[in-house]
Amino acid sequence: MSAEEEFERRNREMIERLGGDPELRELTRRWFARVSQLEYSYHFRWMGRPVIQYPQDLVAAQEILWRVKPDLVIETGIAHGGSLIFYASILELIGRGHVVGIDIDIRPHNRQAIEAHPMFRRIELIEGSSTDAGVFARVREGAAGQQTVLVALDSNHTHDHVLAELRLYSQLVTPGSYLIAFDTIVEEMPPELSANRPWKPGDSPATAVRQFLAETDRFVVDEEMDRKLLITVAPGGYLRCVK
């Protein structure tokens, strides 16, 4: 066994132990609930723009992007545009691909900042509901002919909306690529953290993912990603397309 093979073997062993440690998982859950009260995910920027993601999930997405090397990344829900910039910057390093960002309300100051960013050359913005038939038709037309397509869902986190997104945008994901449903963590958090939101435990991306997976055999949960991340807003939400 080579040194590199031994390194990977030990990594796999440690990842299994991470995911199989109930005390560590409980500590992580408690930590997550505490820092969420202080809006932890809002405190990070990517290339100057608020990214509103946990650093751990950015690293996970980077691993996936570098491995998959998508020609097209589709993101629903863009907020300040940091995650769009993130995806575009990784594609810039890969040397190909572009990002389509969809949001029902792209505020003028956010649009201006995104359009002024050096990574905007790899970005297209679409304003409208991600589940609107016209919006989806436009995205589907743009995805036609793309060899590898990856989708990240991060807009309205209610069960019905996420399930509609999963059913629509899964059609565009290519075998070997990913469909990522963010904020499945809502299902594991105290209900009071969602008090001012339309989503909550029992009505969340996680419940939508469970129903979606019961309807299809094209996607499976990347369980290794869950085990090694521990700290993630998307437990069970990294879905790999297998056919």
Protein backbone atom coordinates (compact mmCIF):
# COMPACT_ATOMS: atom_id res chain seq x y z
CA MET A 1 0.00 0.00 0.00
CA SER A 2 1.39 3.38 -1.00
CA ALA A 3 1.65 6.30 1.40
CA GLU A 4 -1.24 8.02 -0.36
CA GLU A 5 -3.41 4.90 -0.19
CA GLU A 6 -2.64 4.55 3.52
CA PHE A 7 -3.54 8.21 4.03
CA GLU A 8 -6.91 7.66 2.34
CA ARG A 9 -7.52 4.40 4.23
CA ARG A 10 -6.95 6.12 7.57
CA ASN A 11 -9.17 9.03 6.53
CA ARG A 12 -12.01 6.64 5.75
CA GLU A 13 -11.54 4.96 9.12
CA MET A 14 -11.60 8.26 11.01
CA ILE A 15 -14.64 9.49 9.06
CA GLU A 16 -16.53 6.35 10.07
CA ARG A 17 -15.62 6.98 13.70
CA LEU A 18 -16.68 10.64 13.45
CA GLY A 19 -20.09 9.73 12.09
CA GLY A 20 -20.54 6.88 14.53
CA ASP A 21 -19.82 8.85 17.71
CA PRO A 22 -23.20 9.71 19.30
CA GLU A 23 -21.68 11.94 21.97
CA LEU A 24 -19.83 14.00 19.37
CA ARG A 25 -22.97 14.31 17.26
CA GLU A 26 -24.92 15.55 20.28
CA LEU A 27 -22.20 18.07 21.13
CA THR A 28 -22.30 19.27 17.54
CA ARG A 29 -26.08 19.63 17.62
CA ARG A 30 -25.94 21.66 20.83
CA TRP A 31 -23.14 23.87 19.47
CA PHE A 32 -25.09 24.42 16.26
CA ALA A 33 -28.23 25.48 18.09
CA ARG A 34 -26.26 27.91 20.25
CA VAL A 35 -24.33 29.65 17.46
CA SER A 36 -27.45 29.84 15.29
CA GLN A 37 -28.91 32.23 17.86
CA LEU A 38 -25.98 34.54 17.05
CA GLU A 39 -26.49 34.29 13.27
CA TYR A 40 -23.19 32.49 12.81
CA SER A 41 -23.59 31.93 9.06
CA TYR A 42 -23.99 35.67 8.40
CA HIS A 43 -20.47 36.53 9.53
CA PHE A 44 -18.45 35.23 6.56
CA ARG A 45 -17.64 36.67 3.14
CA TRP A 46 -16.33 35.16 -0.09
CA MET A 47 -14.28 37.50 -2.24
CA GLY A 48 -15.94 40.48 -0.59
CA ARG A 49 -19.60 39.40 -0.63
CA PRO A 50 -21.63 38.01 2.32
CA VAL A 51 -21.90 34.30 1.60
CA ILE A 52 -24.36 33.26 4.36
CA GLN A 53 -23.03 29.71 4.56
CA TYR A 54 -21.07 27.76 7.12
CA PRO A 55 -17.37 27.49 6.19
CA GLN A 56 -17.63 23.71 6.46
CA ASP A 57 -20.28 23.62 3.73
CA LEU A 58 -18.17 25.86 1.50
CA VAL A 59 -15.30 23.39 1.81
CA ALA A 60 -17.66 20.51 1.05
CA ALA A 61 -19.05 22.31 -2.01
CA GLN A 62 -15.51 23.04 -3.19
CA GLU A 63 -14.62 19.35 -2.96
CA ILE A 64 -17.69 18.44 -4.99
CA LEU A 65 -17.18 21.15 -7.60
CA TRP A 66 -13.53 20.20 -8.13
CA ARG A 67 -14.42 16.53 -8.46
CA VAL A 68 -17.47 16.96 -10.67
CA LYS A 69 -16.22 19.95 -12.69
CA PRO A 70 -19.70 21.09 -13.74
CA ASP A 71 -20.32 23.08 -16.89
CA LEU A 72 -23.33 24.66 -15.21
CA VAL A 73 -24.20 25.37 -11.58
CA ILE A 74 -27.79 26.42 -10.85
CA GLU A 75 -28.49 28.11 -7.53
CA THR A 76 -31.93 29.05 -6.24
CA GLY A 77 -31.94 31.80 -3.62
CA ILE A 78 -28.98 34.16 -3.99
CA ALA A 79 -29.41 36.80 -1.22
CA HIS A 80 -26.25 38.95 -1.26
CA GLY A 81 -24.63 36.86 -3.98
CA GLY A 82 -21.70 35.48 -2.02
CA SER A 83 -22.43 31.88 -2.87
CA LEU A 84 -22.82 32.79 -6.55
CA ILE A 85 -19.38 34.40 -6.39
CA PHE A 86 -18.07 31.31 -4.60
CA TYR A 87 -19.33 28.90 -7.26
CA ALA A 88 -18.08 31.16 -10.06
CA SER A 89 -14.64 31.47 -8.49
CA ILE A 90 -14.18 27.71 -8.27
CA LEU A 91 -15.32 27.37 -11.88
CA GLU A 92 -12.80 30.07 -12.77
CA LEU A 93 -10.05 27.94 -11.24
CA ILE A 94 -11.33 24.87 -13.04
CA GLY A 95 -11.28 26.89 -16.25
CA ARG A 96 -14.81 26.41 -17.50
CA GLY A 97 -18.49 26.65 -16.64
CA HIS A 98 -20.98 29.28 -15.53
CA VAL A 99 -23.53 29.85 -12.76
CA VAL A 100 -27.21 30.71 -13.02
CA GLY A 101 -28.64 32.38 -9.92
CA ILE A 102 -32.40 32.58 -9.38
CA ASP A 103 -34.15 34.71 -6.78
CA ILE A 104 -37.69 35.98 -6.46
CA ASP A 105 -36.34 39.38 -5.35
CA ILE A 106 -32.85 40.52 -6.38
CA ARG A 107 -32.49 43.75 -4.49
CA PRO A 108 -30.89 46.58 -6.49
CA HIS A 109 -27.86 47.03 -4.21
CA ASN A 110 -27.14 43.28 -4.35
CA ARG A 111 -27.53 43.16 -8.13
CA GLN A 112 -25.21 46.13 -8.50
CA ALA A 113 -22.53 44.54 -6.31
CA ILE A 114 -22.79 41.17 -8.09
CA GLU A 115 -22.66 42.71 -11.54
CA ALA A 116 -19.61 44.79 -10.55
CA HIS A 117 -17.71 41.76 -9.26
CA PRO A 118 -14.84 40.27 -11.34
CA MET A 119 -16.55 36.84 -11.20
CA PHE A 120 -19.73 38.16 -12.80
CA ARG A 121 -18.41 37.09 -16.20
CA ARG A 122 -19.39 33.54 -15.21
CA ILE A 123 -22.78 34.47 -13.70
CA GLU A 124 -26.29 34.93 -15.05
CA LEU A 125 -29.04 36.37 -12.84
CA ILE A 126 -32.72 35.47 -13.20
CA GLU A 127 -35.32 37.29 -11.11
CA GLY A 128 -38.46 35.29 -10.42
CA SER A 129 -39.73 32.33 -8.44
CA SER A 130 -37.61 29.23 -8.91
CA THR A 131 -40.79 27.17 -9.28
CA ASP A 132 -42.41 29.44 -11.86
CA ALA A 133 -42.97 27.54 -15.11
CA GLY A 134 -41.49 30.32 -17.22
CA VAL A 135 -38.39 30.63 -15.06
CA PHE A 136 -37.80 26.89 -15.08
CA ALA A 137 -38.30 26.73 -18.86
CA ARG A 138 -35.63 29.40 -19.28
CA VAL A 139 -33.20 27.55 -17.03
CA ARG A 140 -33.92 24.22 -18.70
CA GLU A 141 -33.25 25.75 -22.11
CA GLY A 142 -29.90 27.06 -20.86
CA ALA A 143 -29.01 23.66 -19.40
CA ALA A 144 -29.72 21.82 -22.65
CA GLY A 145 -26.52 20.45 -24.10
CA GLN A 146 -24.46 21.02 -20.95
CA GLN A 147 -22.42 17.93 -20.18
CA THR A 148 -22.43 18.26 -16.38
CA VAL A 149 -25.02 20.16 -14.33
CA LEU A 150 -25.05 20.70 -10.55
CA VAL A 151 -27.95 22.27 -8.61
CA ALA A 152 -27.97 23.97 -5.19
CA LEU A 153 -31.34 24.78 -3.58
CA ASP A 154 -31.25 27.58 -1.02
CA SER A 155 -34.39 29.69 -1.38
CA ASN A 156 -37.71 29.32 0.46
CA HIS A 157 -37.18 26.44 2.92
CA THR A 158 -40.77 25.24 3.35
CA HIS A 159 -41.56 21.61 2.59
CA ASP A 160 -43.83 22.35 -0.37
CA HIS A 161 -41.46 24.81 -2.03
CA VAL A 162 -38.36 22.66 -1.64
CA LEU A 163 -40.21 19.55 -2.82
CA ALA A 164 -41.36 21.44 -5.92
CA GLU A 165 -37.77 22.58 -6.54
CA LEU A 166 -36.44 19.05 -6.06
CA ARG A 167 -38.92 17.62 -8.53
CA LEU A 168 -38.18 20.30 -11.11
CA TYR A 169 -34.44 20.84 -10.91
CA SER A 170 -33.52 17.20 -10.38
CA GLN A 171 -34.43 16.76 -14.04
CA LEU A 172 -31.43 18.89 -14.97
CA VAL A 173 -28.82 17.18 -12.77
CA THR A 174 -26.53 14.85 -14.69
CA PRO A 175 -25.36 11.41 -13.48
CA GLY A 176 -22.38 11.68 -11.16
CA SER A 177 -23.21 15.26 -10.20
CA TYR A 178 -25.09 16.62 -7.18
CA LEU A 179 -28.39 18.12 -6.10
CA ILE A 180 -27.76 19.95 -2.82
CA ALA A 181 -30.67 20.92 -0.57
CA PHE A 182 -29.46 23.43 2.00
CA ASP A 183 -30.93 24.06 5.46
CA THR A 184 -32.17 20.55 6.10
CA ILE A 185 -30.76 21.35 9.57
CA VAL A 186 -34.03 23.18 10.30
CA GLU A 187 -35.55 19.79 11.11
CA GLU A 188 -33.04 19.25 13.95
CA MET A 189 -33.14 22.72 15.50
CA PRO A 190 -35.34 24.01 18.35
CA PRO A 191 -38.63 25.32 16.90
CA GLU A 192 -38.09 28.76 18.42
CA LEU A 193 -35.19 29.36 16.01
CA SER A 194 -37.76 29.31 13.17
CA ALA A 195 -40.38 31.37 15.01
CA ASN A 196 -40.31 34.22 12.50
CA ARG A 197 -40.01 32.00 9.42
CA PRO A 198 -42.59 30.17 7.30
CA TRP A 199 -40.60 26.94 7.76
CA LYS A 200 -40.07 24.90 10.93
CA PRO A 201 -39.40 21.33 12.07
CA GLY A 202 -41.92 19.13 10.31
CA ASP A 203 -42.18 21.62 7.43
CA SER A 204 -38.61 21.91 6.20
CA PRO A 205 -36.13 20.97 3.47
CA ALA A 206 -35.43 17.72 5.33
CA THR A 207 -39.04 16.57 5.11
CA ALA A 208 -39.07 17.51 1.43
CA VAL A 209 -35.87 15.55 0.78
CA ARG A 210 -37.29 12.46 2.49
CA GLN A 211 -40.41 12.57 0.34
CA PHE A 212 -38.40 13.24 -2.82
CA LEU A 213 -36.06 10.30 -2.19
CA ALA A 214 -39.09 8.04 -1.73
CA GLU A 215 -40.22 9.03 -5.21
CA THR A 216 -36.99 8.48 -7.14
CA ASP A 217 -34.08 6.08 -7.48
CA ARG A 218 -31.89 8.60 -9.30
CA PHE A 219 -30.44 10.14 -6.14
CA VAL A 220 -28.82 8.89 -2.94
CA VAL A 221 -27.59 10.74 0.13
CA ASP A 222 -23.81 11.20 0.23
CA GLU A 223 -23.52 9.78 3.74
CA GLU A 224 -19.75 10.12 3.86
CA MET A 225 -20.14 13.88 3.48
CA ASP A 226 -22.50 13.92 6.47
CA ARG A 227 -20.14 11.82 8.59
CA LYS A 228 -17.05 13.91 7.98
CA LEU A 229 -18.67 17.34 8.12
CA LEU A 230 -20.72 16.99 11.32
CA ILE A 231 -21.11 20.81 11.27
CA THR A 232 -23.34 21.42 8.26
CA VAL A 233 -26.60 23.17 7.40
CA ALA A 234 -27.36 20.34 4.97
CA PRO A 235 -27.34 17.00 6.83
CA GLY A 236 -28.80 14.45 4.44
CA GLY A 237 -29.01 17.16 1.81
CA TYR A 238 -25.98 16.32 -0.30
CA LEU A 239 -27.69 14.17 -2.93
CA ARG A 240 -25.58 12.37 -5.52
CA CYS A 241 -27.14 11.56 -8.88
CA VAL A 242 -26.53 7.88 -9.63
CA LYS A 243 -28.47 7.42 -12.87
